[in-house]
N, C-alpha and C. Protein backbone atom coordinates (compact mmCIF):
# COMPACT_ATOMS: atom_id res chain seq x y z
N MET A 1 10.23 31.49 -0.29
CA MET A 1 9.73 31.01 0.99
C MET A 1 9.93 29.51 1.02
N GLY A 2 10.45 28.97 2.14
CA GLY A 2 10.70 27.56 2.27
C GLY A 2 9.42 26.76 2.44
N ALA A 3 9.52 25.44 2.22
CA ALA A 3 8.36 24.57 2.32
C ALA A 3 7.77 24.57 3.72
N MET A 4 8.65 24.59 4.75
CA MET A 4 8.15 24.58 6.13
C MET A 4 7.39 25.87 6.43
N ALA A 5 7.92 26.99 5.97
CA ALA A 5 7.25 28.27 6.21
C ALA A 5 5.91 28.29 5.50
N ALA A 6 5.88 27.77 4.27
CA ALA A 6 4.62 27.74 3.52
C ALA A 6 3.60 26.86 4.23
N ALA A 7 4.05 25.71 4.75
CA ALA A 7 3.13 24.81 5.46
C ALA A 7 2.57 25.48 6.70
N ARG A 8 3.41 26.23 7.43
CA ARG A 8 2.92 26.94 8.61
C ARG A 8 1.89 27.99 8.24
N LEU A 9 2.18 28.71 7.16
CA LEU A 9 1.24 29.75 6.74
C LEU A 9 -0.10 29.15 6.32
N ILE A 10 -0.05 28.01 5.67
CA ILE A 10 -1.30 27.35 5.25
C ILE A 10 -2.13 26.96 6.46
N ARG A 11 -1.45 26.49 7.53
CA ARG A 11 -2.17 26.07 8.74
C ARG A 11 -2.77 27.25 9.50
N MET A 12 -2.24 28.46 9.28
CA MET A 12 -2.78 29.64 9.95
C MET A 12 -4.12 30.01 9.32
N SER A 13 -4.99 30.55 10.14
CA SER A 13 -6.24 31.05 9.59
C SER A 13 -5.95 32.25 8.70
N LYS A 14 -6.84 32.54 7.77
CA LYS A 14 -6.61 33.64 6.84
C LYS A 14 -6.42 34.97 7.58
N PRO A 15 -7.24 35.31 8.59
CA PRO A 15 -7.00 36.59 9.29
C PRO A 15 -5.61 36.66 9.95
N VAL A 16 -5.14 35.53 10.49
CA VAL A 16 -3.82 35.51 11.13
C VAL A 16 -2.73 35.69 10.07
N ARG A 17 -2.88 35.01 8.91
CA ARG A 17 -1.90 35.18 7.83
C ARG A 17 -1.84 36.62 7.37
N VAL A 18 -3.00 37.22 7.17
CA VAL A 18 -3.06 38.61 6.71
C VAL A 18 -2.43 39.52 7.75
N ALA A 19 -2.74 39.31 9.02
CA ALA A 19 -2.18 40.15 10.09
C ALA A 19 -0.66 39.98 10.16
N SER A 20 -0.17 38.74 10.04
CA SER A 20 1.28 38.49 10.09
C SER A 20 1.99 39.21 8.95
N PHE A 21 1.48 39.03 7.73
CA PHE A 21 2.11 39.69 6.58
C PHE A 21 2.02 41.20 6.71
N THR A 22 0.90 41.69 7.20
CA THR A 22 0.73 43.14 7.36
C THR A 22 1.73 43.68 8.36
N PHE A 23 1.89 42.99 9.50
CA PHE A 23 2.81 43.44 10.53
C PHE A 23 4.25 43.47 10.00
N VAL A 24 4.68 42.38 9.36
CA VAL A 24 6.04 42.31 8.82
C VAL A 24 6.24 43.43 7.81
N SER A 25 5.26 43.64 6.95
CA SER A 25 5.37 44.69 5.94
C SER A 25 5.49 46.07 6.59
N LEU A 26 4.71 46.31 7.63
CA LEU A 26 4.77 47.60 8.31
C LEU A 26 6.11 47.81 9.01
N VAL A 27 6.60 46.76 9.66
CA VAL A 27 7.90 46.87 10.36
C VAL A 27 8.99 47.18 9.35
N ILE A 28 9.02 46.44 8.26
CA ILE A 28 10.07 46.64 7.27
C ILE A 28 9.89 47.97 6.54
N ALA A 29 8.66 48.33 6.24
CA ALA A 29 8.41 49.60 5.55
C ALA A 29 8.78 50.79 6.42
N ALA A 30 8.65 50.64 7.74
CA ALA A 30 8.95 51.74 8.65
C ALA A 30 10.45 51.98 8.80
N MET A 31 11.26 51.01 8.39
CA MET A 31 12.71 51.17 8.50
C MET A 31 13.22 52.04 7.37
N PRO A 32 14.25 52.81 7.64
CA PRO A 32 14.87 53.55 6.54
C PRO A 32 15.34 52.58 5.47
N ALA A 33 15.26 52.97 4.23
CA ALA A 33 15.60 52.08 3.12
C ALA A 33 17.00 51.51 3.24
N ASP A 34 17.94 52.26 3.78
CA ASP A 34 19.30 51.77 3.88
C ASP A 34 19.48 50.78 5.03
N ARG A 35 18.47 50.61 5.90
CA ARG A 35 18.58 49.68 7.02
C ARG A 35 17.83 48.39 6.76
N ALA A 36 16.78 48.40 5.93
CA ALA A 36 16.00 47.20 5.67
C ALA A 36 16.85 46.21 4.89
N ARG A 37 16.84 44.96 5.32
CA ARG A 37 17.61 43.91 4.67
C ARG A 37 16.72 42.71 4.45
N ALA A 38 17.19 41.80 3.63
CA ALA A 38 16.42 40.60 3.31
C ALA A 38 16.13 39.78 4.56
N GLY A 39 17.01 39.83 5.57
CA GLY A 39 16.83 39.04 6.77
C GLY A 39 15.95 39.66 7.83
N ASP A 40 15.43 40.87 7.59
CA ASP A 40 14.49 41.47 8.54
C ASP A 40 13.21 40.66 8.49
N VAL A 41 12.74 40.24 9.66
CA VAL A 41 11.59 39.35 9.70
C VAL A 41 10.83 39.58 11.00
N ALA A 42 9.53 39.33 10.97
CA ALA A 42 8.72 39.42 12.18
C ALA A 42 7.63 38.37 12.10
N GLY A 43 7.27 37.82 13.26
CA GLY A 43 6.21 36.83 13.32
C GLY A 43 6.34 35.98 14.57
N GLN A 44 5.62 34.87 14.60
CA GLN A 44 5.71 33.93 15.71
C GLN A 44 7.06 33.23 15.63
N ALA A 45 7.74 33.13 16.75
CA ALA A 45 9.08 32.53 16.79
C ALA A 45 9.04 31.17 17.45
N SER A 46 9.83 30.26 16.89
CA SER A 46 10.12 28.99 17.53
C SER A 46 11.54 29.10 18.08
N VAL A 47 11.74 28.69 19.31
CA VAL A 47 13.06 28.75 19.92
C VAL A 47 13.82 27.48 19.54
N ILE A 48 14.95 27.65 18.89
CA ILE A 48 15.81 26.53 18.50
C ILE A 48 16.76 26.22 19.65
N ASP A 49 17.38 27.23 20.19
CA ASP A 49 18.20 27.11 21.40
C ASP A 49 18.24 28.47 22.07
N GLY A 50 19.09 28.64 23.06
CA GLY A 50 19.08 29.86 23.85
C GLY A 50 19.44 31.14 23.11
N ASP A 51 19.99 31.03 21.91
CA ASP A 51 20.31 32.25 21.16
C ASP A 51 19.94 32.15 19.68
N THR A 52 19.07 31.20 19.34
CA THR A 52 18.66 31.02 17.95
C THR A 52 17.15 30.81 17.87
N LEU A 53 16.52 31.53 16.94
CA LEU A 53 15.09 31.45 16.71
C LEU A 53 14.82 31.05 15.27
N GLU A 54 13.59 30.62 15.01
CA GLU A 54 13.14 30.45 13.64
C GLU A 54 11.83 31.21 13.52
N ILE A 55 11.78 32.10 12.53
CA ILE A 55 10.59 32.91 12.29
C ILE A 55 10.25 32.80 10.81
N LEU A 56 9.05 32.31 10.51
CA LEU A 56 8.59 32.18 9.13
C LEU A 56 9.62 31.48 8.25
N GLY A 57 10.23 30.42 8.79
CA GLY A 57 11.20 29.63 8.03
C GLY A 57 12.60 30.19 7.99
N THR A 58 12.86 31.32 8.65
CA THR A 58 14.18 31.93 8.66
C THR A 58 14.85 31.69 10.01
N ARG A 59 16.06 31.11 9.98
CA ARG A 59 16.85 30.94 11.21
C ARG A 59 17.51 32.25 11.55
N VAL A 60 17.38 32.66 12.80
CA VAL A 60 17.92 33.93 13.25
C VAL A 60 18.77 33.71 14.49
N ARG A 61 20.02 34.15 14.42
CA ARG A 61 20.95 34.08 15.56
C ARG A 61 20.91 35.44 16.23
N LEU A 62 20.69 35.46 17.54
CA LEU A 62 20.64 36.74 18.26
C LEU A 62 22.03 37.38 18.28
N TYR A 63 22.07 38.65 17.93
CA TYR A 63 23.31 39.41 17.83
C TYR A 63 23.97 39.61 19.19
N GLY A 64 25.30 39.43 19.23
CA GLY A 64 26.13 39.89 20.33
C GLY A 64 26.17 39.06 21.59
N ILE A 65 25.47 37.93 21.61
CA ILE A 65 25.45 37.12 22.83
C ILE A 65 25.76 35.67 22.50
N ASP A 66 26.01 34.89 23.53
CA ASP A 66 26.21 33.45 23.37
C ASP A 66 25.55 32.77 24.55
N ALA A 67 24.70 31.81 24.25
CA ALA A 67 24.01 31.03 25.29
C ALA A 67 24.60 29.63 25.31
N PRO A 68 24.54 28.95 26.45
CA PRO A 68 25.06 27.59 26.53
C PRO A 68 24.39 26.68 25.49
N GLU A 69 25.14 25.69 25.04
CA GLU A 69 24.64 24.72 24.06
C GLU A 69 23.64 23.77 24.72
N HIS A 70 22.81 23.12 23.90
CA HIS A 70 21.72 22.28 24.43
C HIS A 70 22.22 21.15 25.33
N ASP A 71 23.41 20.60 25.06
CA ASP A 71 23.92 19.50 25.87
C ASP A 71 24.98 19.94 26.88
N GLN A 72 25.16 21.25 27.02
CA GLN A 72 26.17 21.77 27.93
C GLN A 72 25.68 21.69 29.37
N LEU A 73 26.58 21.32 30.26
CA LEU A 73 26.28 21.25 31.68
C LEU A 73 26.94 22.41 32.41
N CYS A 74 26.24 22.97 33.38
CA CYS A 74 26.78 24.00 34.25
C CYS A 74 26.60 23.51 35.69
N ARG A 75 27.21 24.20 36.62
CA ARG A 75 27.04 23.85 38.04
C ARG A 75 26.20 24.94 38.70
N ASP A 76 25.25 24.51 39.52
CA ASP A 76 24.43 25.48 40.24
C ASP A 76 25.17 25.93 41.50
N GLN A 77 24.51 26.73 42.33
CA GLN A 77 25.15 27.28 43.52
C GLN A 77 25.57 26.22 44.53
N HIS A 78 25.02 25.00 44.39
CA HIS A 78 25.37 23.90 45.30
C HIS A 78 26.40 22.95 44.69
N GLY A 79 26.82 23.25 43.46
CA GLY A 79 27.81 22.41 42.78
C GLY A 79 27.22 21.29 41.94
N ALA A 80 25.91 21.18 41.90
CA ALA A 80 25.26 20.12 41.11
C ALA A 80 25.18 20.53 39.64
N HIS A 81 25.36 19.54 38.76
CA HIS A 81 25.24 19.79 37.33
C HIS A 81 23.78 19.99 36.93
N TYR A 82 23.57 20.86 35.95
CA TYR A 82 22.25 21.00 35.33
C TYR A 82 22.46 21.38 33.87
N ARG A 83 21.48 21.13 33.05
CA ARG A 83 21.56 21.41 31.61
C ARG A 83 21.23 22.88 31.37
N CYS A 84 22.26 23.71 31.46
CA CYS A 84 22.07 25.16 31.36
C CYS A 84 21.60 25.60 29.97
N GLY A 85 21.98 24.87 28.93
CA GLY A 85 21.51 25.21 27.59
C GLY A 85 20.00 25.02 27.46
N GLN A 86 19.51 23.94 28.04
CA GLN A 86 18.06 23.70 28.01
C GLN A 86 17.32 24.73 28.85
N VAL A 87 17.90 25.11 29.98
CA VAL A 87 17.28 26.12 30.84
C VAL A 87 17.17 27.44 30.07
N ALA A 88 18.22 27.83 29.35
CA ALA A 88 18.20 29.08 28.58
C ALA A 88 17.12 29.03 27.49
N ALA A 89 17.07 27.94 26.75
CA ALA A 89 16.08 27.81 25.68
C ALA A 89 14.66 27.82 26.23
N ASN A 90 14.43 27.11 27.32
CA ASN A 90 13.09 27.07 27.92
C ASN A 90 12.68 28.44 28.46
N ALA A 91 13.62 29.15 29.06
CA ALA A 91 13.31 30.48 29.60
C ALA A 91 12.94 31.43 28.45
N LEU A 92 13.70 31.37 27.36
CA LEU A 92 13.42 32.23 26.22
C LEU A 92 12.05 31.91 25.62
N ALA A 93 11.75 30.63 25.47
CA ALA A 93 10.45 30.23 24.92
C ALA A 93 9.30 30.70 25.81
N ALA A 94 9.47 30.56 27.13
CA ALA A 94 8.43 30.99 28.06
C ALA A 94 8.26 32.51 28.02
N PHE A 95 9.37 33.25 27.91
CA PHE A 95 9.27 34.70 27.86
C PHE A 95 8.56 35.18 26.59
N ILE A 96 8.93 34.59 25.46
CA ILE A 96 8.32 35.01 24.19
C ILE A 96 6.85 34.61 24.14
N GLY A 97 6.55 33.39 24.56
CA GLY A 97 5.17 32.92 24.50
C GLY A 97 4.60 33.07 23.10
N ARG A 98 3.46 33.72 22.98
CA ARG A 98 2.81 33.91 21.68
C ARG A 98 3.03 35.32 21.13
N GLN A 99 3.95 36.07 21.75
CA GLN A 99 4.23 37.42 21.28
C GLN A 99 4.86 37.38 19.88
N THR A 100 4.62 38.41 19.11
CA THR A 100 5.30 38.57 17.84
C THR A 100 6.73 39.02 18.11
N VAL A 101 7.65 38.41 17.42
CA VAL A 101 9.06 38.77 17.53
C VAL A 101 9.47 39.47 16.24
N ALA A 102 10.09 40.63 16.37
CA ALA A 102 10.57 41.39 15.22
C ALA A 102 12.09 41.42 15.26
N CYS A 103 12.72 41.10 14.13
CA CYS A 103 14.18 41.04 14.06
C CYS A 103 14.69 41.93 12.94
N VAL A 104 15.75 42.67 13.24
CA VAL A 104 16.40 43.52 12.26
C VAL A 104 17.80 42.95 12.02
N GLU A 105 18.06 42.54 10.79
CA GLU A 105 19.34 41.92 10.44
C GLU A 105 20.50 42.88 10.65
N VAL A 106 21.56 42.34 11.27
CA VAL A 106 22.79 43.10 11.49
C VAL A 106 23.89 42.53 10.61
N ASP A 107 23.85 41.20 10.40
CA ASP A 107 24.93 40.52 9.68
C ASP A 107 24.44 39.12 9.29
N ARG A 108 25.33 38.34 8.71
CA ARG A 108 25.14 36.91 8.46
C ARG A 108 26.32 36.18 9.08
N ASP A 109 26.05 35.00 9.68
CA ASP A 109 27.15 34.25 10.27
C ASP A 109 27.77 33.33 9.21
N ARG A 110 28.78 32.58 9.60
CA ARG A 110 29.49 31.73 8.64
C ARG A 110 28.63 30.61 8.09
N TYR A 111 27.49 30.32 8.73
CA TYR A 111 26.56 29.30 8.25
C TYR A 111 25.46 29.91 7.38
N GLY A 112 25.52 31.22 7.16
CA GLY A 112 24.52 31.89 6.35
C GLY A 112 23.27 32.31 7.11
N ARG A 113 23.26 32.06 8.43
CA ARG A 113 22.10 32.47 9.23
C ARG A 113 22.08 33.97 9.41
N VAL A 114 20.88 34.50 9.50
CA VAL A 114 20.69 35.90 9.81
C VAL A 114 21.14 36.14 11.25
N VAL A 115 21.94 37.17 11.48
CA VAL A 115 22.30 37.61 12.83
C VAL A 115 21.55 38.92 13.01
N ALA A 116 20.72 38.98 14.06
CA ALA A 116 19.81 40.12 14.18
C ALA A 116 19.59 40.54 15.62
N VAL A 117 19.17 41.79 15.76
CA VAL A 117 18.65 42.29 17.03
C VAL A 117 17.16 42.01 16.97
N CYS A 118 16.67 41.25 17.94
CA CYS A 118 15.26 40.83 17.95
C CYS A 118 14.58 41.31 19.22
N SER A 119 13.32 41.64 19.08
CA SER A 119 12.57 42.08 20.25
C SER A 119 11.19 41.46 20.26
N ALA A 120 10.68 41.29 21.46
CA ALA A 120 9.30 40.87 21.70
C ALA A 120 8.69 42.01 22.49
N GLY A 121 7.65 42.61 21.93
CA GLY A 121 7.16 43.85 22.52
C GLY A 121 8.26 44.87 22.33
N LYS A 122 8.67 45.51 23.38
CA LYS A 122 9.76 46.48 23.28
C LYS A 122 11.03 45.98 23.98
N VAL A 123 11.08 44.68 24.23
CA VAL A 123 12.21 44.10 24.97
C VAL A 123 13.19 43.44 24.01
N ASP A 124 14.45 43.88 24.06
CA ASP A 124 15.54 43.28 23.30
C ASP A 124 15.79 41.90 23.91
N LEU A 125 15.59 40.85 23.11
CA LEU A 125 15.70 39.49 23.64
C LEU A 125 17.11 39.15 24.11
N ALA A 126 18.13 39.62 23.40
CA ALA A 126 19.51 39.36 23.81
C ALA A 126 19.79 40.00 25.17
N ASP A 127 19.37 41.24 25.33
CA ASP A 127 19.55 41.93 26.61
C ASP A 127 18.83 41.19 27.73
N TRP A 128 17.60 40.75 27.45
CA TRP A 128 16.82 40.03 28.45
C TRP A 128 17.53 38.74 28.87
N LEU A 129 18.06 38.00 27.90
CA LEU A 129 18.77 36.75 28.21
C LEU A 129 20.02 37.00 29.05
N VAL A 130 20.82 37.98 28.66
CA VAL A 130 22.06 38.27 29.39
C VAL A 130 21.74 38.80 30.78
N ARG A 131 20.79 39.72 30.88
CA ARG A 131 20.42 40.32 32.16
C ARG A 131 19.89 39.26 33.13
N GLY A 132 19.23 38.24 32.60
CA GLY A 132 18.69 37.16 33.44
C GLY A 132 19.70 36.08 33.76
N GLY A 133 20.91 36.18 33.19
CA GLY A 133 21.94 35.17 33.45
C GLY A 133 21.76 33.91 32.63
N PHE A 134 21.00 33.97 31.52
CA PHE A 134 20.79 32.80 30.67
C PHE A 134 21.80 32.75 29.52
N ALA A 135 22.49 33.86 29.27
CA ALA A 135 23.48 33.97 28.20
C ALA A 135 24.52 34.99 28.65
N VAL A 136 25.59 35.08 27.87
CA VAL A 136 26.65 36.04 28.18
C VAL A 136 26.90 36.97 27.00
N ASP A 137 27.41 38.13 27.31
CA ASP A 137 27.86 39.06 26.28
C ASP A 137 29.01 38.37 25.53
N TRP A 138 29.02 38.48 24.20
CA TRP A 138 30.09 37.88 23.41
C TRP A 138 30.91 39.01 22.82
N PRO A 139 31.90 39.51 23.58
CA PRO A 139 32.63 40.72 23.19
C PRO A 139 33.24 40.66 21.79
N ARG A 140 33.58 39.46 21.35
CA ARG A 140 34.17 39.30 20.00
C ARG A 140 33.24 39.88 18.94
N TYR A 141 31.92 39.78 19.17
CA TYR A 141 30.95 40.24 18.18
C TYR A 141 30.13 41.44 18.65
N SER A 142 29.93 41.57 19.94
CA SER A 142 29.02 42.61 20.46
C SER A 142 29.66 43.98 20.60
N LYS A 143 30.97 44.01 20.64
CA LYS A 143 31.70 45.25 20.93
C LYS A 143 31.26 45.82 22.28
N GLY A 144 30.85 44.94 23.19
CA GLY A 144 30.46 45.36 24.54
C GLY A 144 29.03 45.82 24.69
N ASP A 145 28.21 45.64 23.66
CA ASP A 145 26.82 46.12 23.72
C ASP A 145 26.03 45.54 24.89
N TYR A 146 26.38 44.33 25.32
CA TYR A 146 25.63 43.70 26.42
C TYR A 146 26.48 43.53 27.68
N ALA A 147 27.61 44.23 27.74
CA ALA A 147 28.51 44.14 28.90
C ALA A 147 27.84 44.63 30.17
N ALA A 148 27.07 45.71 30.09
CA ALA A 148 26.40 46.23 31.29
C ALA A 148 25.34 45.25 31.79
N ALA A 149 24.63 44.61 30.87
CA ALA A 149 23.62 43.62 31.25
C ALA A 149 24.30 42.43 31.93
N GLU A 150 25.46 42.02 31.39
CA GLU A 150 26.19 40.92 32.00
C GLU A 150 26.70 41.29 33.39
N ALA A 151 27.21 42.50 33.55
CA ALA A 151 27.69 42.96 34.85
C ALA A 151 26.56 42.96 35.88
N GLU A 152 25.36 43.36 35.44
CA GLU A 152 24.20 43.34 36.34
C GLU A 152 23.86 41.91 36.76
N ALA A 153 23.84 40.98 35.80
CA ALA A 153 23.53 39.58 36.11
C ALA A 153 24.59 38.98 37.03
N ARG A 154 25.84 39.28 36.73
CA ARG A 154 26.94 38.76 37.55
C ARG A 154 26.83 39.29 38.98
N GLY A 155 26.56 40.58 39.14
CA GLY A 155 26.42 41.18 40.46
C GLY A 155 25.27 40.60 41.26
N ALA A 156 24.19 40.27 40.57
CA ALA A 156 23.02 39.70 41.23
C ALA A 156 23.11 38.18 41.35
N GLN A 157 24.16 37.60 40.80
CA GLN A 157 24.34 36.15 40.75
C GLN A 157 23.12 35.46 40.16
N SER A 158 22.66 36.01 39.04
CA SER A 158 21.50 35.46 38.33
C SER A 158 21.92 34.35 37.39
N GLY A 159 21.08 33.33 37.29
CA GLY A 159 21.27 32.25 36.31
C GLY A 159 22.64 31.62 36.38
N LEU A 160 23.35 31.67 35.26
CA LEU A 160 24.68 31.07 35.16
C LEU A 160 25.63 31.58 36.24
N TRP A 161 25.44 32.82 36.63
CA TRP A 161 26.35 33.46 37.58
C TRP A 161 26.14 32.99 39.01
N SER A 162 25.12 32.17 39.26
CA SER A 162 24.92 31.64 40.61
C SER A 162 25.81 30.44 40.88
N GLY A 163 26.44 29.93 39.83
CA GLY A 163 27.33 28.77 39.98
C GLY A 163 28.57 28.94 39.12
N ARG A 164 28.95 27.84 38.43
CA ARG A 164 30.14 27.86 37.56
C ARG A 164 29.76 27.34 36.19
N PHE A 165 30.44 27.87 35.16
CA PHE A 165 30.18 27.42 33.80
C PHE A 165 31.37 27.73 32.90
N VAL A 166 31.39 27.06 31.79
CA VAL A 166 32.37 27.30 30.74
C VAL A 166 31.68 28.17 29.70
N GLU A 167 32.37 29.19 29.21
CA GLU A 167 31.77 30.03 28.17
C GLU A 167 31.36 29.15 27.01
N PRO A 168 30.20 29.41 26.43
CA PRO A 168 29.71 28.57 25.33
C PRO A 168 30.70 28.43 24.17
N TRP A 169 31.43 29.49 23.84
CA TRP A 169 32.39 29.39 22.73
C TRP A 169 33.53 28.44 23.07
N ARG A 170 33.94 28.40 24.34
CA ARG A 170 34.99 27.45 24.75
C ARG A 170 34.45 26.02 24.75
N TYR A 171 33.20 25.87 25.17
CA TYR A 171 32.56 24.56 25.16
C TYR A 171 32.51 24.01 23.72
N ARG A 172 32.08 24.84 22.76
CA ARG A 172 32.00 24.39 21.37
C ARG A 172 33.38 24.04 20.82
N GLN A 173 34.37 24.82 21.20
CA GLN A 173 35.74 24.54 20.76
C GLN A 173 36.19 23.17 21.28
N CYS A 174 35.88 22.87 22.52
CA CYS A 174 36.26 21.59 23.14
C CYS A 174 35.53 20.42 22.47
N THR A 175 34.20 20.53 22.32
CA THR A 175 33.45 19.42 21.70
C THR A 175 33.80 19.29 20.22
N GLY A 176 34.09 20.42 19.57
CA GLY A 176 34.50 20.37 18.16
C GLY A 176 35.84 19.66 17.99
N GLY A 177 36.64 19.66 19.03
CA GLY A 177 37.93 18.97 19.01
C GLY A 177 37.83 17.52 19.46
N GLY A 178 36.61 17.03 19.63
CA GLY A 178 36.41 15.64 20.00
C GLY A 178 36.13 15.39 21.46
N GLY A 179 36.07 16.45 22.28
CA GLY A 179 35.79 16.27 23.70
C GLY A 179 34.35 15.88 23.97
N ARG A 180 34.16 15.10 25.01
CA ARG A 180 32.80 14.70 25.40
C ARG A 180 32.12 15.85 26.14
N PRO A 181 30.78 15.98 25.98
CA PRO A 181 30.07 17.09 26.62
C PRO A 181 30.33 17.21 28.12
N ASN A 182 30.36 16.08 28.85
CA ASN A 182 30.56 16.19 30.30
C ASN A 182 31.97 16.68 30.64
N VAL A 183 32.96 16.33 29.84
CA VAL A 183 34.33 16.80 30.07
C VAL A 183 34.44 18.27 29.67
N CYS A 184 33.86 18.62 28.51
CA CYS A 184 33.95 20.00 28.00
C CYS A 184 33.15 20.98 28.84
N SER A 185 32.22 20.49 29.65
CA SER A 185 31.38 21.35 30.49
C SER A 185 32.06 21.75 31.79
N GLY A 186 33.14 21.08 32.14
CA GLY A 186 33.70 21.30 33.49
C GLY A 186 35.13 21.75 33.52
N GLU A 187 35.71 21.52 34.66
CA GLU A 187 37.06 21.99 34.94
C GLU A 187 38.06 21.49 33.91
N GLY A 188 37.82 20.32 33.31
CA GLY A 188 38.73 19.79 32.30
C GLY A 188 38.77 20.64 31.04
N ALA A 189 37.84 21.56 30.89
CA ALA A 189 37.77 22.42 29.70
C ALA A 189 38.20 23.85 30.05
N ASN A 190 39.02 23.98 31.10
CA ASN A 190 39.45 25.33 31.51
C ASN A 190 38.27 26.19 31.94
N GLU A 191 37.48 25.67 32.84
CA GLU A 191 36.31 26.41 33.32
C GLU A 191 36.77 27.79 33.80
N GLN A 192 36.14 28.82 33.27
CA GLN A 192 36.60 30.18 33.50
C GLN A 192 35.74 30.97 34.47
N ARG A 193 34.51 30.64 34.58
CA ARG A 193 33.61 31.52 35.33
C ARG A 193 33.18 30.89 36.64
C-alpha cells in the first residue's frame, strides 16, 4: 500500500476503514478466482481526469474510452472554445460524488496503470461518460463496446457532439509532437468531428 493510501486510511474513522476493507474484500471474493486480479479495487474515488480515477492509492484508467485532456479545447454549438477536458472531469466527479466505485481490472496500460471497468452503484462509468458526450468510444481498445453509447450521444448532440472537437488521441499525438494546446485543439490538428 502506498504512503498516500495509508495516509487516507489513517484519516478515515475506524468504522469507515472497516467498511471500506469489508466492501473491497466482498467484491473481490465474489468474483470467480480466474477473474480477480491485483488491480481490482473498490472505494472512494478521486477523479484525476475524464477517464482516470484514483482509488485507495491505485490509478485506474477507464477501459475502452477516451476523454479530452485537461488542457484540450473544444468548440460549443456557437463556435466558442471551452475546456472540454475539465468539463468531462467535473461531470464525472459530480456524478460519482461520495458513492463507492468498484473496478475490475481488464488490462494494464503502457504506464503500468490498471485499465478497468468501473461502476458507481450499478452504472458503468465509461458508458455514462460516452452516453453523456463527455468521452468517446476508443475502438482501438474497446472493440466497439461503447459504440452504441457514442451513437446515442452523437444523435442527441450531447456534450462534445453539440459542437466540434479533436479526438483525444489525436490531440495527444499533436501535443506530444510539440504542438501547442490551442493549435492541437482545432482545425490545425485535423479536427475530425
